[in-house]
Amino acid sequence: MSAEPAETMTLNGPFEEGTTTSPLEPHVVAALRGVYDPEIPVNIFDLGLIYDVAFPMDGIVDVKMTLTAPGCPVAEEMPGMVSEAIRPVEGVDDVRVEIVWDPPWRPDFMSEAARLELGMF
């Protein structure tokens, strides 16, 4: 559990693997790496769109994520895509996805692998 309630937690950028104690974390991250923004050939995790993954109770996964731009054409579909990717993970009963805009996404949030894939050195 987070030390701060979700309402007051400050998000500073992309979620970093290994920051929770949940045994589900690596499986959830692997599921997130299987979700792609249809307009960009890089998964949403390596794009830096995932800001937080929390496990508040057994079987519950909370995801806070952003999009590359507020007018992103897949804004309405992305939470469902994320939920559908995580739900089959063994031990997951419910997935709650929230789109957040603070901090705004920046290209430097991408992983090195994503920057290489997109030719951004």
PDB file of N, CA and C in Angstrom:
ATOM      1  N   MET A   1       0.826  -1.194   0.000  1.00  0.00           N
ATOM      2  CA  MET A   1       0.000   0.000   0.000  1.00  0.00           C
ATOM      3  C   MET A   1       0.863   1.248   0.000  1.00  0.00           C
ATOM      4  N   SER A   2       0.389   2.267  -0.644  1.00  0.00           N
ATOM      5  CA  SER A   2       1.097   3.536  -0.696  1.00  0.00           C
ATOM      6  C   SER A   2       0.977   4.238   0.649  1.00  0.00           C
ATOM      7  N   ALA A   3       1.990   4.996   1.009  1.00  0.00           N
ATOM      8  CA  ALA A   3       1.966   5.739   2.256  1.00  0.00           C
ATOM      9  C   ALA A   3       1.000   6.911   2.180  1.00  0.00           C
ATOM     10  N   GLU A   4       0.768   7.421   0.992  1.00  0.00           N
ATOM     11  CA  GLU A   4      -0.141   8.545   0.807  1.00  0.00           C
ATOM     12  C   GLU A   4      -1.435   8.057   0.176  1.00  0.00           C
ATOM     13  N   PRO A   5      -2.578   8.647   0.558  1.00  0.00           N
ATOM     14  CA  PRO A   5      -3.805   8.310  -0.150  1.00  0.00           C
ATOM     15  C   PRO A   5      -3.669   8.697  -1.619  1.00  0.00           C
ATOM     16  N   ALA A   6      -4.341   7.980  -2.493  1.00  0.00           N
ATOM     17  CA  ALA A   6      -4.239   8.221  -3.933  1.00  0.00           C
ATOM     18  C   ALA A   6      -4.580   9.662  -4.292  1.00  0.00           C
ATOM     19  N   GLU A   7      -5.507  10.267  -3.555  1.00  0.00           N
ATOM     20  CA  GLU A   7      -5.934  11.622  -3.887  1.00  0.00           C
ATOM     21  C   GLU A   7      -4.802  12.636  -3.724  1.00  0.00           C
ATOM     22  N   THR A   8      -3.846  12.362  -2.834  1.00  0.00           N
ATOM     23  CA  THR A   8      -2.798  13.338  -2.581  1.00  0.00           C
ATOM     24  C   THR A   8      -1.446  12.902  -3.134  1.00  0.00           C
ATOM     25  N   MET A   9      -1.386  11.719  -3.731  1.00  0.00           N
ATOM     26  CA  MET A   9      -0.114  11.237  -4.249  1.00  0.00           C
ATOM     27  C   MET A   9       0.320  12.101  -5.423  1.00  0.00           C
ATOM     28  N   THR A  10       1.582  12.478  -5.410  1.00  0.00           N
ATOM     29  CA  THR A  10       2.140  13.261  -6.498  1.00  0.00           C
ATOM     30  C   THR A  10       2.804  12.320  -7.482  1.00  0.00           C
ATOM     31  N   LEU A  11       2.419  12.434  -8.737  1.00  0.00           N
ATOM     32  CA  LEU A  11       3.020  11.630  -9.787  1.00  0.00           C
ATOM     33  C   LEU A  11       4.092  12.467 -10.457  1.00  0.00           C
ATOM     34  N   ASN A  12       5.277  11.896 -10.603  1.00  0.00           N
ATOM     35  CA  ASN A  12       6.395  12.649 -11.159  1.00  0.00           C
ATOM     36  C   ASN A  12       6.789  12.210 -12.553  1.00  0.00           C
ATOM     37  N   GLY A  13       6.218  11.149 -13.026  1.00  0.00           N
ATOM     38  CA  GLY A  13       6.593  10.632 -14.336  1.00  0.00           C
ATOM     39  C   GLY A  13       6.364   9.145 -14.393  1.00  0.00           C
ATOM     40  N   PRO A  14       7.055   8.471 -15.284  1.00  0.00           N
ATOM     41  CA  PRO A  14       6.796   7.057 -15.515  1.00  0.00           C
ATOM     42  C   PRO A  14       7.043   6.167 -14.296  1.00  0.00           C
ATOM     43  N   PHE A  15       6.219   5.138 -14.191  1.00  0.00           N
ATOM     44  CA  PHE A  15       6.357   4.114 -13.160  1.00  0.00           C
ATOM     45  C   PHE A  15       7.662   3.354 -13.379  1.00  0.00           C
ATOM     46  N   GLU A  16       8.352   3.064 -12.304  1.00  0.00           N
ATOM     47  CA  GLU A  16       9.599   2.305 -12.393  1.00  0.00           C
ATOM     48  C   GLU A  16       9.369   0.900 -11.862  1.00  0.00           C
ATOM     49  N   GLU A  17       9.801  -0.086 -12.643  1.00  0.00           N
ATOM     50  CA  GLU A  17       9.674  -1.472 -12.218  1.00  0.00           C
ATOM     51  C   GLU A  17      10.399  -1.697 -10.900  1.00  0.00           C
ATOM     52  N   GLY A  18       9.842  -2.602 -10.093  1.00  0.00           N
ATOM     53  CA  GLY A  18      10.485  -2.961  -8.833  1.00  0.00           C
ATOM     54  C   GLY A  18      10.190  -2.018  -7.695  1.00  0.00           C
ATOM     55  N   THR A  19       9.201  -1.152  -7.843  1.00  0.00           N
ATOM     56  CA  THR A  19       8.903  -0.186  -6.786  1.00  0.00           C
ATOM     57  C   THR A  19       7.752  -0.615  -5.894  1.00  0.00           C
ATOM     58  N   THR A  20       7.167  -1.784  -6.152  1.00  0.00           N
ATOM     59  CA  THR A  20       6.146  -2.313  -5.252  1.00  0.00           C
ATOM     60  C   THR A  20       6.648  -3.649  -4.722  1.00  0.00           C
ATOM     61  N   THR A  21       5.982  -4.142  -3.695  1.00  0.00           N
ATOM     62  CA  THR A  21       6.342  -5.447  -3.146  1.00  0.00           C
ATOM     63  C   THR A  21       5.410  -6.539  -3.641  1.00  0.00           C
ATOM     64  N   SER A  22       4.479  -6.198  -4.503  1.00  0.00           N
ATOM     65  CA  SER A  22       3.512  -7.184  -4.980  1.00  0.00           C
ATOM     66  C   SER A  22       4.163  -8.195  -5.920  1.00  0.00           C
ATOM     67  N   PRO A  23       3.888  -9.480  -5.692  1.00  0.00           N
ATOM     68  CA  PRO A  23       4.388 -10.491  -6.626  1.00  0.00           C
ATOM     69  C   PRO A  23       3.710 -10.397  -7.992  1.00  0.00           C
ATOM     70  N   LEU A  24       2.622  -9.640  -8.079  1.00  0.00           N
ATOM     71  CA  LEU A  24       1.926  -9.457  -9.358  1.00  0.00           C
ATOM     72  C   LEU A  24       2.616  -8.436 -10.257  1.00  0.00           C
ATOM     73  N   GLU A  25       3.440  -7.562  -9.669  1.00  0.00           N
ATOM     74  CA  GLU A  25       4.006  -6.455 -10.444  1.00  0.00           C
ATOM     75  C   GLU A  25       4.687  -6.886 -11.743  1.00  0.00           C
ATOM     76  N   PRO A  26       5.612  -7.850 -11.737  1.00  0.00           N
ATOM     77  CA  PRO A  26       6.270  -8.186 -13.010  1.00  0.00           C
ATOM     78  C   PRO A  26       5.306  -8.715 -14.063  1.00  0.00           C
ATOM     79  N   HIS A  27       4.260  -9.389 -13.620  1.00  0.00           N
ATOM     80  CA  HIS A  27       3.273  -9.934 -14.561  1.00  0.00           C
ATOM     81  C   HIS A  27       2.397  -8.823 -15.138  1.00  0.00           C
ATOM     82  N   VAL A  28       2.068  -7.846 -14.292  1.00  0.00           N
ATOM     83  CA  VAL A  28       1.275  -6.703 -14.750  1.00  0.00           C
ATOM     84  C   VAL A  28       2.106  -5.859 -15.715  1.00  0.00           C
ATOM     85  N   VAL A  29       3.366  -5.636 -15.396  1.00  0.00           N
ATOM     86  CA  VAL A  29       4.240  -4.865 -16.293  1.00  0.00           C
ATOM     87  C   VAL A  29       4.371  -5.585 -17.636  1.00  0.00           C
ATOM     88  N   ALA A  30       4.526  -6.902 -17.602  1.00  0.00           N
ATOM     89  CA  ALA A  30       4.614  -7.669 -18.854  1.00  0.00           C
ATOM     90  C   ALA A  30       3.335  -7.508 -19.672  1.00  0.00           C
ATOM     91  N   ALA A  31       2.187  -7.506 -18.995  1.00  0.00           N
ATOM     92  CA  ALA A  31       0.911  -7.313 -19.698  1.00  0.00           C
ATOM     93  C   ALA A  31       0.845  -5.920 -20.312  1.00  0.00           C
ATOM     94  N   LEU A  32       1.309  -4.912 -19.577  1.00  0.00           N
ATOM     95  CA  LEU A  32       1.306  -3.540 -20.090  1.00  0.00           C
ATOM     96  C   LEU A  32       2.218  -3.401 -21.305  1.00  0.00           C
ATOM     97  N   ARG A  33       3.292  -4.155 -21.314  1.00  0.00           N
ATOM     98  CA  ARG A  33       4.205  -4.101 -22.463  1.00  0.00           C
ATOM     99  C   ARG A  33       3.579  -4.727 -23.712  1.00  0.00           C
ATOM    100  N   GLY A  34       2.439  -5.358 -23.552  1.00  0.00           N
ATOM    101  CA  GLY A  34       1.724  -5.917 -24.693  1.00  0.00           C
ATOM    102  C   GLY A  34       0.672  -4.985 -25.259  1.00  0.00           C
ATOM    103  N   VAL A  35       0.541  -3.786 -24.673  1.00  0.00           N
ATOM    104  CA  VAL A  35      -0.454  -2.810 -25.134  1.00  0.00           C
ATOM    105  C   VAL A  35       0.266  -1.718 -25.919  1.00  0.00           C
ATOM    106  N   TYR A  36      -0.223  -1.466 -27.112  1.00  0.00           N
ATOM    107  CA  TYR A  36       0.401  -0.473 -27.994  1.00  0.00           C
ATOM    108  C   TYR A  36      -0.580   0.637 -28.336  1.00  0.00           C
ATOM    109  N   ASP A  37      -0.067   1.853 -28.375  1.00  0.00           N
ATOM    110  CA  ASP A  37      -0.821   2.960 -28.944  1.00  0.00           C
ATOM    111  C   ASP A  37      -0.879   2.657 -30.435  1.00  0.00           C
ATOM    112  N   PRO A  38      -2.077   2.598 -31.025  1.00  0.00           N
ATOM    113  CA  PRO A  38      -2.184   2.227 -32.440  1.00  0.00           C
ATOM    114  C   PRO A  38      -1.403   3.127 -33.392  1.00  0.00           C
ATOM    115  N   GLU A  39      -1.066   4.336 -32.962  1.00  0.00           N
ATOM    116  CA  GLU A  39      -0.364   5.264 -33.845  1.00  0.00           C
ATOM    117  C   GLU A  39       1.151   5.238 -33.672  1.00  0.00           C
ATOM    118  N   ILE A  40       1.644   4.533 -32.640  1.00  0.00           N
ATOM    119  CA  ILE A  40       3.077   4.525 -32.343  1.00  0.00           C
ATOM    120  C   ILE A  40       3.517   3.072 -32.159  1.00  0.00           C
ATOM    121  N   PRO A  41       4.572   2.637 -32.830  1.00  0.00           N
ATOM    122  CA  PRO A  41       4.976   1.232 -32.753  1.00  0.00           C
ATOM    123  C   PRO A  41       5.794   0.871 -31.507  1.00  0.00           C
ATOM    124  N   VAL A  42       5.416   1.435 -30.364  1.00  0.00           N
ATOM    125  CA  VAL A  42       6.099   1.159 -29.102  1.00  0.00           C
ATOM    126  C   VAL A  42       5.022   0.926 -28.053  1.00  0.00           C
ATOM    127  N   ASN A  43       5.263  -0.013 -27.143  1.00  0.00           N
ATOM    128  CA  ASN A  43       4.254  -0.301 -26.119  1.00  0.00           C
ATOM    129  C   ASN A  43       4.115   0.864 -25.138  1.00  0.00           C
ATOM    130  N   ILE A  44       2.953   0.925 -24.481  1.00  0.00           N
ATOM    131  CA  ILE A  44       2.645   2.064 -23.613  1.00  0.00           C
ATOM    132  C   ILE A  44       3.541   2.137 -22.383  1.00  0.00           C
ATOM    133  N   PHE A  45       4.066   0.997 -21.926  1.00  0.00           N
ATOM    134  CA  PHE A  45       4.962   1.032 -20.771  1.00  0.00           C
ATOM    135  C   PHE A  45       6.273   1.713 -21.146  1.00  0.00           C
ATOM    136  N   ASP A  46       6.871   1.287 -22.259  1.00  0.00           N
ATOM    137  CA  ASP A  46       8.143   1.876 -22.677  1.00  0.00           C
ATOM    138  C   ASP A  46       7.986   3.295 -23.219  1.00  0.00           C
ATOM    139  N   LEU A  47       6.776   3.655 -23.628  1.00  0.00           N
ATOM    140  CA  LEU A  47       6.523   5.050 -24.015  1.00  0.00           C
ATOM    141  C   LEU A  47       6.529   5.970 -22.796  1.00  0.00           C
ATOM    142  N   GLY A  48       6.409   5.388 -21.602  1.00  0.00           N
ATOM    143  CA  GLY A  48       6.376   6.196 -20.385  1.00  0.00           C
ATOM    144  C   GLY A  48       4.992   6.705 -20.057  1.00  0.00           C
ATOM    145  N   LEU A  49       3.962   6.036 -20.576  1.00  0.00           N
ATOM    146  CA  LEU A  49       2.587   6.474 -20.333  1.00  0.00           C
ATOM    147  C   LEU A  49       2.032   5.964 -19.007  1.00  0.00           C
ATOM    148  N   ILE A  50       2.671   4.968 -18.409  1.00  0.00           N
ATOM    149  CA  ILE A  50       2.200   4.414 -17.135  1.00  0.00           C
ATOM    150  C   ILE A  50       2.893   5.166 -16.005  1.00  0.00           C
ATOM    151  N   TYR A  51       2.103   5.894 -15.218  1.00  0.00           N
ATOM    152  CA  TYR A  51       2.657   6.699 -14.135  1.00  0.00           C
ATOM    153  C   TYR A  51       2.647   5.974 -12.793  1.00  0.00           C
ATOM    154  N   ASP A  52       1.687   5.083 -12.581  1.00  0.00           N
ATOM    155  CA  ASP A  52       1.633   4.377 -11.304  1.00  0.00           C
ATOM    156  C   ASP A  52       0.895   3.060 -11.476  1.00  0.00           C
ATOM    157  N   VAL A  53       1.390   2.047 -10.793  1.00  0.00           N
ATOM    158  CA  VAL A  53       0.715   0.760 -10.687  1.00  0.00           C
ATOM    159  C   VAL A  53       0.684   0.448  -9.202  1.00  0.00           C
ATOM    160  N   ALA A  54      -0.512   0.273  -8.661  1.00  0.00           N
ATOM    161  CA  ALA A  54      -0.659   0.017  -7.232  1.00  0.00           C
ATOM    162  C   ALA A  54      -1.525  -1.217  -7.022  1.00  0.00           C
ATOM    163  N   PHE A  55      -1.312  -1.840  -5.879  1.00  0.00           N
ATOM    164  CA  PHE A  55      -2.027  -3.053  -5.516  1.00  0.00           C
ATOM    165  C   PHE A  55      -2.642  -2.817  -4.138  1.00  0.00           C
ATOM    166  N   PRO A  56      -3.760  -2.045  -4.065  1.00  0.00           N
ATOM    167  CA  PRO A  56      -4.312  -1.637  -2.775  1.00  0.00           C
ATOM    168  C   PRO A  56      -4.886  -2.784  -1.949  1.00  0.00           C
ATOM    169  N   MET A  57      -5.359  -3.833  -2.608  1.00  0.00           N
ATOM    170  CA  MET A  57      -5.905  -5.008  -1.929  1.00  0.00           C
ATOM    171  C   MET A  57      -5.609  -6.221  -2.800  1.00  0.00           C
ATOM    172  N   ASP A  58      -5.681  -7.404  -2.199  1.00  0.00           N
ATOM    173  CA  ASP A  58      -5.460  -8.621  -2.975  1.00  0.00           C
ATOM    174  C   ASP A  58      -6.369  -8.646  -4.190  1.00  0.00           C
ATOM    175  N   GLY A  59      -5.784  -8.869  -5.346  1.00  0.00           N
ATOM    176  CA  GLY A  59      -6.558  -9.015  -6.572  1.00  0.00           C
ATOM    177  C   GLY A  59      -6.932  -7.723  -7.266  1.00  0.00           C
ATOM    178  N   ILE A  60      -6.637  -6.585  -6.654  1.00  0.00           N
ATOM    179  CA  ILE A  60      -6.996  -5.289  -7.228  1.00  0.00           C
ATOM    180  C   ILE A  60      -5.736  -4.619  -7.775  1.00  0.00           C
ATOM    181  N   VAL A  61      -5.828  -4.126  -9.009  1.00  0.00           N
ATOM    182  CA  VAL A  61      -4.718  -3.389  -9.616  1.00  0.00           C
ATOM    183  C   VAL A  61      -5.233  -2.013 -10.025  1.00  0.00           C
ATOM    184  N   ASP A  62      -4.591  -0.979  -9.524  1.00  0.00           N
ATOM    185  CA  ASP A  62      -4.914   0.398  -9.902  1.00  0.00           C
ATOM    186  C   ASP A  62      -3.801   0.920 -10.804  1.00  0.00           C
ATOM    187  N   VAL A  63      -4.181   1.445 -11.954  1.00  0.00           N
ATOM    188  CA  VAL A  63      -3.213   1.988 -12.903  1.00  0.00           C
ATOM    189  C   VAL A  63      -3.538   3.450 -13.145  1.00  0.00           C
ATOM    190  N   LYS A  64      -2.542   4.302 -12.984  1.00  0.00           N
ATOM    191  CA  LYS A  64      -2.671   5.705 -13.385  1.00  0.00           C
ATOM    192  C   LYS A  64      -1.780   5.866 -14.602  1.00  0.00           C
ATOM    193  N   MET A  65      -2.362   6.386 -15.652  1.00  0.00           N
ATOM    194  CA  MET A  65      -1.612   6.533 -16.895  1.00  0.00           C
ATOM    195  C   MET A  65      -1.982   7.831 -17.571  1.00  0.00           C
ATOM    196  N   THR A  66      -1.195   8.207 -18.539  1.00  0.00           N
ATOM    197  CA  THR A  66      -1.475   9.384 -19.332  1.00  0.00           C
ATOM    198  C   THR A  66      -1.478   8.988 -20.793  1.00  0.00           C
ATOM    199  N   LEU A  67      -1.651   9.961 -21.637  1.00  0.00           N
ATOM    200  CA  LEU A  67      -1.592   9.758 -23.084  1.00  0.00           C
ATOM    201  C   LEU A  67      -0.599  10.773 -23.640  1.00  0.00           C
ATOM    202  N   THR A  68      -0.179  10.570 -24.866  1.00  0.00           N
ATOM    203  CA  THR A  68       0.820  11.478 -25.432  1.00  0.00           C
ATOM    204  C   THR A  68       0.282  12.889 -25.621  1.00  0.00           C
ATOM    205  N   ALA A  69      -1.033  13.028 -25.762  1.00  0.00           N
ATOM    206  CA  ALA A  69      -1.656  14.347 -25.923  1.00  0.00           C
ATOM    207  C   ALA A  69      -3.112  14.259 -25.486  1.00  0.00           C
ATOM    208  N   PRO A  70      -3.663  15.350 -24.921  1.00  0.00           N
ATOM    209  CA  PRO A  70      -5.064  15.323 -24.491  1.00  0.00           C
ATOM    210  C   PRO A  70      -6.037  14.969 -25.614  1.00  0.00           C
ATOM    211  N   GLY A  71      -5.724  15.318 -26.845  1.00  0.00           N
ATOM    212  CA  GLY A  71      -6.619  15.023 -27.965  1.00  0.00           C
ATOM    213  C   GLY A  71      -6.363  13.678 -28.609  1.00  0.00           C
ATOM    214  N   CYS A  72      -5.644  12.804 -27.919  1.00  0.00           N
ATOM    215  CA  CYS A  72      -5.288  11.493 -28.464  1.00  0.00           C
ATOM    216  C   CYS A  72      -6.551  10.754 -28.919  1.00  0.00           C
ATOM    217  N   PRO A  73      -6.569  10.251 -30.162  1.00  0.00           N
ATOM    218  CA  PRO A  73      -7.762   9.597 -30.691  1.00  0.00           C
ATOM    219  C   PRO A  73      -8.172   8.324 -29.949  1.00  0.00           C
ATOM    220  N   VAL A  74      -7.262   7.699 -29.206  1.00  0.00           N
ATOM    221  CA  VAL A  74      -7.620   6.468 -28.498  1.00  0.00           C
ATOM    222  C   VAL A  74      -7.900   6.709 -27.011  1.00  0.00           C
ATOM    223  N   ALA A  75      -8.100   7.963 -26.630  1.00  0.00           N
ATOM    224  CA  ALA A  75      -8.297   8.310 -25.223  1.00  0.00           C
ATOM    225  C   ALA A  75      -9.428   7.516 -24.578  1.00  0.00           C
ATOM    226  N   GLU A  76     -10.527   7.341 -25.270  1.00  0.00           N
ATOM    227  CA  GLU A  76     -11.662   6.624 -24.694  1.00  0.00           C
ATOM    228  C   GLU A  76     -11.436   5.119 -24.675  1.00  0.00           C
ATOM    229  N   GLU A  77     -10.638   4.606 -25.594  1.00  0.00           N
ATOM    230  CA  GLU A  77     -10.421   3.165 -25.704  1.00  0.00           C
ATOM    231  C   GLU A  77      -9.275   2.652 -24.843  1.00  0.00           C
ATOM    232  N   MET A  78      -8.300   3.476 -24.560  1.00  0.00           N
ATOM    233  CA  MET A  78      -7.087   3.018 -23.891  1.00  0.00           C
ATOM    234  C   MET A  78      -7.336   2.404 -22.513  1.00  0.00           C
ATOM    235  N   PRO A  79      -8.168   2.983 -21.641  1.00  0.00           N
ATOM    236  CA  PRO A  79      -8.390   2.325 -20.346  1.00  0.00           C
ATOM    237  C   PRO A  79      -8.911   0.894 -20.498  1.00  0.00           C
ATOM    238  N   GLY A  80      -9.801   0.671 -21.432  1.00  0.00           N
ATOM    239  CA  GLY A  80     -10.310  -0.678 -21.665  1.00  0.00           C
ATOM    240  C   GLY A  80      -9.238  -1.606 -22.191  1.00  0.00           C
ATOM    241  N   MET A  81      -8.384  -1.099 -23.066  1.00  0.00           N
ATOM    242  CA  MET A  81      -7.285  -1.904 -23.598  1.00  0.00           C
ATOM    243  C   MET A  81      -6.334  -2.323 -22.478  1.00  0.00           C
ATOM    244  N   VAL A  82      -6.045  -1.404 -21.577  1.00  0.00           N
ATOM    245  CA  VAL A  82      -5.148  -1.688 -20.456  1.00  0.00           C
ATOM    246  C   VAL A  82      -5.791  -2.707 -19.519  1.00  0.00           C
ATOM    247  N   SER A  83      -7.052  -2.487 -19.192  1.00  0.00           N
ATOM    248  CA  SER A  83      -7.764  -3.410 -18.312  1.00  0.00           C
ATOM    249  C   SER A  83      -7.825  -4.815 -18.904  1.00  0.00           C
ATOM    250  N   GLU A  84      -8.141  -4.907 -20.187  1.00  0.00           N
ATOM    251  CA  GLU A  84      -8.221  -6.209 -20.853  1.00  0.00           C
ATOM    252  C   GLU A  84      -6.874  -6.920 -20.873  1.00  0.00           C
ATOM    253  N   ALA A  85      -5.790  -6.181 -20.942  1.00  0.00           N
ATOM    254  CA  ALA A  85      -4.457  -6.789 -20.957  1.00  0.00           C
ATOM    255  C   ALA A  85      -4.073  -7.333 -19.579  1.00  0.00           C
ATOM    256  N   ILE A  86      -4.452  -6.621 -18.527  1.00  0.00           N
ATOM    257  CA  ILE A  86      -4.050  -7.004 -17.167  1.00  0.00           C
ATOM    258  C   ILE A  86      -4.970  -8.058 -16.562  1.00  0.00           C
ATOM    259  N   ARG A  87      -6.254  -7.999 -16.866  1.00  0.00           N
ATOM    260  CA  ARG A  87      -7.236  -8.874 -16.220  1.00  0.00           C
ATOM    261  C   ARG A  87      -6.881 -10.368 -16.288  1.00  0.00           C
ATOM    262  N   PRO A  88      -6.309 -10.889 -17.383  1.00  0.00           N
ATOM    263  CA  PRO A  88      -5.983 -12.325 -17.419  1.00  0.00           C
ATOM    264  C   PRO A  88      -4.811 -12.748 -16.526  1.00  0.00           C
ATOM    265  N   VAL A  89      -4.087 -11.791 -15.954  1.00  0.00           N
ATOM    266  CA  VAL A  89      -2.961 -12.138 -15.079  1.00  0.00           C
ATOM    267  C   VAL A  89      -3.505 -12.907 -13.875  1.00  0.00           C
ATOM    268  N   GLU A  90      -2.906 -14.061 -13.610  1.00  0.00           N
ATOM    269  CA  GLU A  90      -3.349 -14.878 -12.486  1.00  0.00           C
ATOM    270  C   GLU A  90      -3.224 -14.097 -11.187  1.00  0.00           C
ATOM    271  N   GLY A  91      -4.305 -14.072 -10.410  1.00  0.00           N
ATOM    272  CA  GLY A  91      -4.325 -13.342  -9.150  1.00  0.00           C
ATOM    273  C   GLY A  91      -4.989 -11.986  -9.249  1.00  0.00           C
ATOM    274  N   VAL A  92      -5.307 -11.546 -10.460  1.00  0.00           N
ATOM    275  CA  VAL A  92      -5.970 -10.253 -10.658  1.00  0.00           C
ATOM    276  C   VAL A  92      -7.476 -10.475 -10.784  1.00  0.00           C
ATOM    277  N   ASP A  93      -8.237  -9.783  -9.944  1.00  0.00           N
ATOM    278  CA  ASP A  93      -9.692  -9.869  -9.981  1.00  0.00           C
ATOM    279  C   ASP A  93     -10.334  -8.623 -10.576  1.00  0.00           C
ATOM    280  N   ASP A  94      -9.688  -7.478 -10.379  1.00  0.00           N
ATOM    281  CA  ASP A  94     -10.263  -6.220 -10.862  1.00  0.00           C
ATOM    282  C   ASP A  94      -9.131  -5.268 -11.233  1.00  0.00           C
ATOM    283  N   VAL A  95      -9.358  -4.507 -12.291  1.00  0.00           N
ATOM    284  CA  VAL A  95      -8.383  -3.520 -12.759  1.00  0.00           C
ATOM    285  C   VAL A  95      -9.099  -2.183 -12.864  1.00  0.00           C
ATOM    286  N   ARG A  96      -8.516  -1.172 -12.253  1.00  0.00           N
ATOM    287  CA  ARG A  96      -9.082   0.175 -12.327  1.00  0.00           C
ATOM    288  C   ARG A  96      -8.040   1.068 -12.987  1.00  0.00           C
ATOM    289  N   VAL A  97      -8.432   1.689 -14.090  1.00  0.00           N
ATOM    290  CA  VAL A  97      -7.507   2.519 -14.868  1.00  0.00           C
ATOM    291  C   VAL A  97      -7.993   3.959 -14.834  1.00  0.00           C
ATOM    292  N   GLU A  98      -7.093   4.862 -14.499  1.00  0.00           N
ATOM    293  CA  GLU A  98      -7.413   6.294 -14.473  1.00  0.00           C
ATOM    294  C   GLU A  98      -6.450   7.029 -15.394  1.00  0.00           C
ATOM    295  N   ILE A  99      -7.008   7.855 -16.268  1.00  0.00           N
ATOM    296  CA  ILE A  99      -6.194   8.719 -17.125  1.00  0.00           C
ATOM    297  C   ILE A  99      -5.920  10.004 -16.347  1.00  0.00           C
ATOM    298  N   VAL A 100      -4.646  10.382 -16.262  1.00  0.00           N
ATOM    299  CA  VAL A 100      -4.252  11.614 -15.572  1.00  0.00           C
ATOM    300  C   VAL A 100      -3.448  12.475 -16.542  1.00  0.00           C
ATOM    301  N   TRP A 101      -3.461  13.761 -16.312  1.00  0.00           N
ATOM    302  CA  TRP A 101      -2.758  14.688 -17.215  1.00  0.00           C
ATOM    303  C   TRP A 101      -1.616  15.421 -16.538  1.00  0.00           C
ATOM    304  N   ASP A 102      -1.392  15.129 -15.261  1.00  0.00           N
ATOM    305  CA  ASP A 102      -0.333  15.798 -14.528  1.00  0.00           C
ATOM    306  C   ASP A 102       0.598  14.752 -13.938  1.00  0.00           C
ATOM    307  N   PRO A 103       1.857  14.756 -14.282  1.00  0.00           N
ATOM    308  CA  PRO A 103       2.512  15.700 -15.178  1.00  0.00           C
ATOM    309  C   PRO A 103       2.210  15.377 -16.635  1.00  0.00           C
ATOM    310  N   PRO A 104       2.263  16.381 -17.488  1.00  0.00           N
ATOM    311  CA  PRO A 104       2.060  16.121 -18.912  1.00  0.00           C
ATOM    312  C   PRO A 104       3.167  15.195 -19.434  1.00  0.00           C
ATOM    313  N   TRP A 105       2.796  14.302 -20.340  1.00  0.00           N
ATOM    314  CA  TRP A 105       3.783  13.388 -20.927  1.00  0.00           C
ATOM    315  C   TRP A 105       4.804  14.175 -21.733  1.00  0.00           C
ATOM    316  N   ARG A 106       6.053  13.729 -21.640  1.00  0.00           N
ATOM    317  CA  ARG A 106       7.141  14.324 -22.423  1.00  0.00           C
ATOM    318  C   ARG A 106       7.930  13.193 -23.081  1.00  0.00           C
ATOM    319  N   PRO A 107       8.534  13.440 -24.238  1.00  0.00           N
ATOM    320  CA  PRO A 107       9.320  12.398 -24.910  1.00  0.00           C
ATOM    321  C   PRO A 107      10.437  11.813 -24.046  1.00  0.00           C
ATOM    322  N   ASP A 108      10.964  12.593 -23.099  1.00  0.00           N
ATOM    323  CA  ASP A 108      12.040  12.050 -22.265  1.00  0.00           C
ATOM    324  C   ASP A 108      11.534  11.027 -21.249  1.00  0.00           C
ATOM    325  N   PHE A 109      10.213  10.818 -21.179  1.00  0.00           N
ATOM    326  CA  PHE A 109       9.656   9.767 -20.332  1.00  0.00           C
ATOM    327  C   PHE A 109       9.836   8.388 -20.966  1.00  0.00           C
ATOM    328  N   MET A 110      10.144   8.344 -22.257  1.00  0.00           N
ATOM    329  CA  MET A 110      10.302   7.064 -22.944  1.00  0.00           C
ATOM    330  C   MET A 110      11.555   6.342 -22.462  1.00  0.00           C
ATOM    331  N   SER A 111      11.485   5.018 -22.497  1.00  0.00           N
ATOM    332  CA  SER A 111      12.667   4.222 -22.176  1.00  0.00           C
ATOM    333  C   SER A 111      13.688   4.379 -23.298  1.00  0.00           C
ATOM    334  N   GLU A 112      14.919   3.995 -23.006  1.00  0.00           N
ATOM    335  CA  GLU A 112      15.959   4.057 -24.030  1.00  0.00           C
ATOM    336  C   GLU A 112      15.582   3.180 -25.226  1.00  0.00           C
ATOM    337  N   ALA A 113      15.010   2.007 -24.947  1.00  0.00           N
ATOM    338  CA  ALA A 113      14.600   1.102 -26.033  1.00  0.00           C
ATOM    339  C   ALA A 113      13.551   1.760 -26.925  1.00  0.00           C
ATOM    340  N   ALA A 114      12.612   2.491 -26.318  1.00  0.00           N
ATOM    341  CA  ALA A 114      11.576   3.171 -27.101  1.00  0.00           C
ATOM    342  C   ALA A 114      12.185   4.265 -27.967  1.00  0.00           C
ATOM    343  N   ARG A 115      13.112   5.024 -27.391  1.00  0.00           N
ATOM    344  CA  ARG A 115      13.761   6.087 -28.170  1.00  0.00           C
ATOM    345  C   ARG A 115      14.532   5.503 -29.348  1.00  0.00           C
ATOM    346  N   LEU A 116      15.215   4.388 -29.127  1.00  0.00           N
ATOM    347  CA  LEU A 116      15.938   3.734 -30.219  1.00  0.00           C
ATOM    348  C   LEU A 116      14.974   3.247 -31.298  1.00  0.00           C
ATOM    349  N   GLU A 117      13.865   2.643 -30.869  1.00  0.00           N
ATOM    350  CA  GLU A 117      12.863   2.132 -31.816  1.00  0.00           C
ATOM    351  C   GLU A 117      12.309   3.251 -32.695  1.00  0.00           C
ATOM    352  N   LEU A 118      12.140   4.424 -32.100  1.00  0.00           N
ATOM    353  CA  LEU A 118      11.567   5.554 -32.836  1.00  0.00           C
ATOM    354  C   LEU A 118      12.628   6.437 -33.491  1.00  0.00           C
ATOM    355  N   GLY A 119      13.896   6.059 -33.348  1.00  0.00           N
ATOM    356  CA  GLY A 119      14.971   6.829 -33.970  1.00  0.00           C
ATOM    357  C   GLY A 119      15.255   8.146 -33.282  1.00  0.00           C
ATOM    358  N   MET A 120      14.966   8.224 -31.979  1.00  0.00           N
ATOM    359  CA  MET A 120      15.206   9.453 -31.206  1.00  0.00           C
ATOM    360  C   MET A 120      16.420   9.226 -30.312  1.00  0.00           C
ATOM    361  N   PHE A 121      17.554   9.718 -30.713  1.00  0.00           N
ATOM    362  CA  PHE A 121      18.772   9.477 -29.936  1.00  0.00           C
ATOM    363  C   PHE A 121      19.052  10.618 -29.026  1.00  0.00           C
TER     364      PHE A 121
END
